[in-house]
Amino acid sequence: MRRGNKKTINCDVIETPCIKVCKLINRVCIGCFRTDYQIREWIIYTEKERTEIIKEIQLDRCRVLSNN
């Protein structure tokens, strides 16, 4: 459990790659391509960390699509 200063988090304003197709295969969501760890920690990441993860996800999607 995390301790310290608690602040209210408005989840409606946090950018997310979630497309509401939530199914994990080998610990990766087939909808948003995030790992189970990334999904669990999403609201704790900084905006910069979330942006970097989204960029990585987009690159991974492009690689998957170009290999098909």
C-alpha atoms as a PDB file:
ATOM      1  CA  MET A   1       0.000   0.000   0.000  1.00  0.00           C
ATOM      2  CA  ARG A   2       1.353   3.393  -0.947  1.00  0.00           C
ATOM      3  CA  ARG A   3       1.559   6.007   1.761  1.00  0.00           C
ATOM      4  CA  GLY A   4       2.101   9.707   1.842  1.00  0.00           C
ATOM      5  CA  ASN A   5       0.203  12.634   0.439  1.00  0.00           C
ATOM      6  CA  LYS A   6      -3.019  11.469  -1.101  1.00  0.00           C
ATOM      7  CA  LYS A   7      -4.548  13.492  -3.852  1.00  0.00           C
ATOM      8  CA  THR A   8      -7.751  12.922  -5.702  1.00  0.00           C
ATOM      9  CA  ILE A   9      -7.216  11.581  -9.196  1.00  0.00           C
ATOM     10  CA  ASN A  10      -9.752  12.404 -11.875  1.00  0.00           C
ATOM     11  CA  CYS A  11      -9.549   9.349 -14.128  1.00  0.00           C
ATOM     12  CA  ASP A  12     -11.633  11.099 -16.786  1.00  0.00           C
ATOM     13  CA  VAL A  13      -8.725  13.386 -17.685  1.00  0.00           C
ATOM     14  CA  ILE A  14      -5.982  10.733 -17.779  1.00  0.00           C
ATOM     15  CA  GLU A  15      -5.121   9.754 -21.329  1.00  0.00           C
ATOM     16  CA  THR A  16      -5.311   6.016 -21.893  1.00  0.00           C
ATOM     17  CA  PRO A  17      -4.906   3.682 -24.879  1.00  0.00           C
ATOM     18  CA  CYS A  18      -7.782   1.511 -23.600  1.00  0.00           C
ATOM     19  CA  ILE A  19     -10.337   0.659 -26.298  1.00  0.00           C
ATOM     20  CA  LYS A  20     -12.530  -1.394 -23.934  1.00  0.00           C
ATOM     21  CA  VAL A  21     -11.521  -4.736 -25.458  1.00  0.00           C
ATOM     22  CA  CYS A  22      -9.986  -6.103 -22.302  1.00  0.00           C
ATOM     23  CA  LYS A  23      -8.520  -9.566 -22.596  1.00  0.00           C
ATOM     24  CA  LEU A  24      -5.055 -10.564 -21.465  1.00  0.00           C
ATOM     25  CA  ILE A  25      -3.032 -13.107 -23.421  1.00  0.00           C
ATOM     26  CA  ASN A  26       0.453 -13.785 -22.082  1.00  0.00           C
ATOM     27  CA  ARG A  27      -0.009 -10.832 -19.712  1.00  0.00           C
ATOM     28  CA  VAL A  28      -0.648  -8.339 -22.564  1.00  0.00           C
ATOM     29  CA  CYS A  29      -4.066  -6.849 -23.329  1.00  0.00           C
ATOM     30  CA  ILE A  30      -5.195  -7.614 -26.876  1.00  0.00           C
ATOM     31  CA  GLY A  31      -7.125  -4.319 -26.975  1.00  0.00           C
ATOM     32  CA  CYS A  32      -4.625  -1.714 -25.827  1.00  0.00           C
ATOM     33  CA  PHE A  33      -1.350  -3.710 -25.902  1.00  0.00           C
ATOM     34  CA  ARG A  34      -0.462  -2.713 -22.329  1.00  0.00           C
ATOM     35  CA  THR A  35       0.981  -5.278 -19.958  1.00  0.00           C
ATOM     36  CA  ASP A  36      -0.937  -6.271 -16.855  1.00  0.00           C
ATOM     37  CA  TYR A  37       1.603  -4.297 -14.826  1.00  0.00           C
ATOM     38  CA  GLN A  38       1.110  -1.149 -16.947  1.00  0.00           C
ATOM     39  CA  ILE A  39      -2.668  -1.420 -16.629  1.00  0.00           C
ATOM     40  CA  ARG A  40      -2.458  -1.841 -12.865  1.00  0.00           C
ATOM     41  CA  GLU A  41      -0.044   1.072 -12.392  1.00  0.00           C
ATOM     42  CA  TRP A  42      -1.571   3.426 -15.004  1.00  0.00           C
ATOM     43  CA  ILE A  43      -2.968   6.059 -12.636  1.00  0.00           C
ATOM     44  CA  ILE A  44       0.285   6.149 -10.666  1.00  0.00           C
ATOM     45  CA  TYR A  45       2.481   6.876 -13.706  1.00  0.00           C
ATOM     46  CA  THR A  46       3.330  10.475 -14.481  1.00  0.00           C
ATOM     47  CA  GLU A  47       1.875  12.059 -17.601  1.00  0.00           C
ATOM     48  CA  LYS A  48       5.318  11.788 -19.230  1.00  0.00           C
ATOM     49  CA  GLU A  49       5.536   8.054 -18.440  1.00  0.00           C
ATOM     50  CA  ARG A  50       2.037   7.425 -19.830  1.00  0.00           C
ATOM     51  CA  THR A  51       2.901   9.337 -23.009  1.00  0.00           C
ATOM     52  CA  GLU A  52       6.064   7.236 -23.505  1.00  0.00           C
ATOM     53  CA  ILE A  53       4.141   3.995 -22.993  1.00  0.00           C
ATOM     54  CA  ILE A  54       1.491   5.087 -25.503  1.00  0.00           C
ATOM     55  CA  LYS A  55       4.245   5.851 -28.057  1.00  0.00           C
ATOM     56  CA  GLU A  56       5.778   2.395 -27.491  1.00  0.00           C
ATOM     57  CA  ILE A  57       2.371   0.767 -27.898  1.00  0.00           C
ATOM     58  CA  GLN A  58       1.772   2.605 -31.184  1.00  0.00           C
ATOM     59  CA  LEU A  59       5.169   1.460 -32.496  1.00  0.00           C
ATOM     60  CA  ASP A  60       4.418  -2.135 -31.472  1.00  0.00           C
ATOM     61  CA  ARG A  61       1.036  -2.016 -33.255  1.00  0.00           C
ATOM     62  CA  CYS A  62       2.726  -0.730 -36.414  1.00  0.00           C
ATOM     63  CA  ARG A  63       5.268  -3.559 -36.260  1.00  0.00           C
ATOM     64  CA  VAL A  64       2.540  -6.171 -35.806  1.00  0.00           C
ATOM     65  CA  LEU A  65       0.480  -4.765 -38.683  1.00  0.00           C
ATOM     66  CA  SER A  66       3.472  -4.498 -41.029  1.00  0.00           C
ATOM     67  CA  ASN A  67       4.398  -8.150 -40.387  1.00  0.00           C
ATOM     68  CA  ASN A  68       0.956  -9.381 -41.478  1.00  0.00           C
END
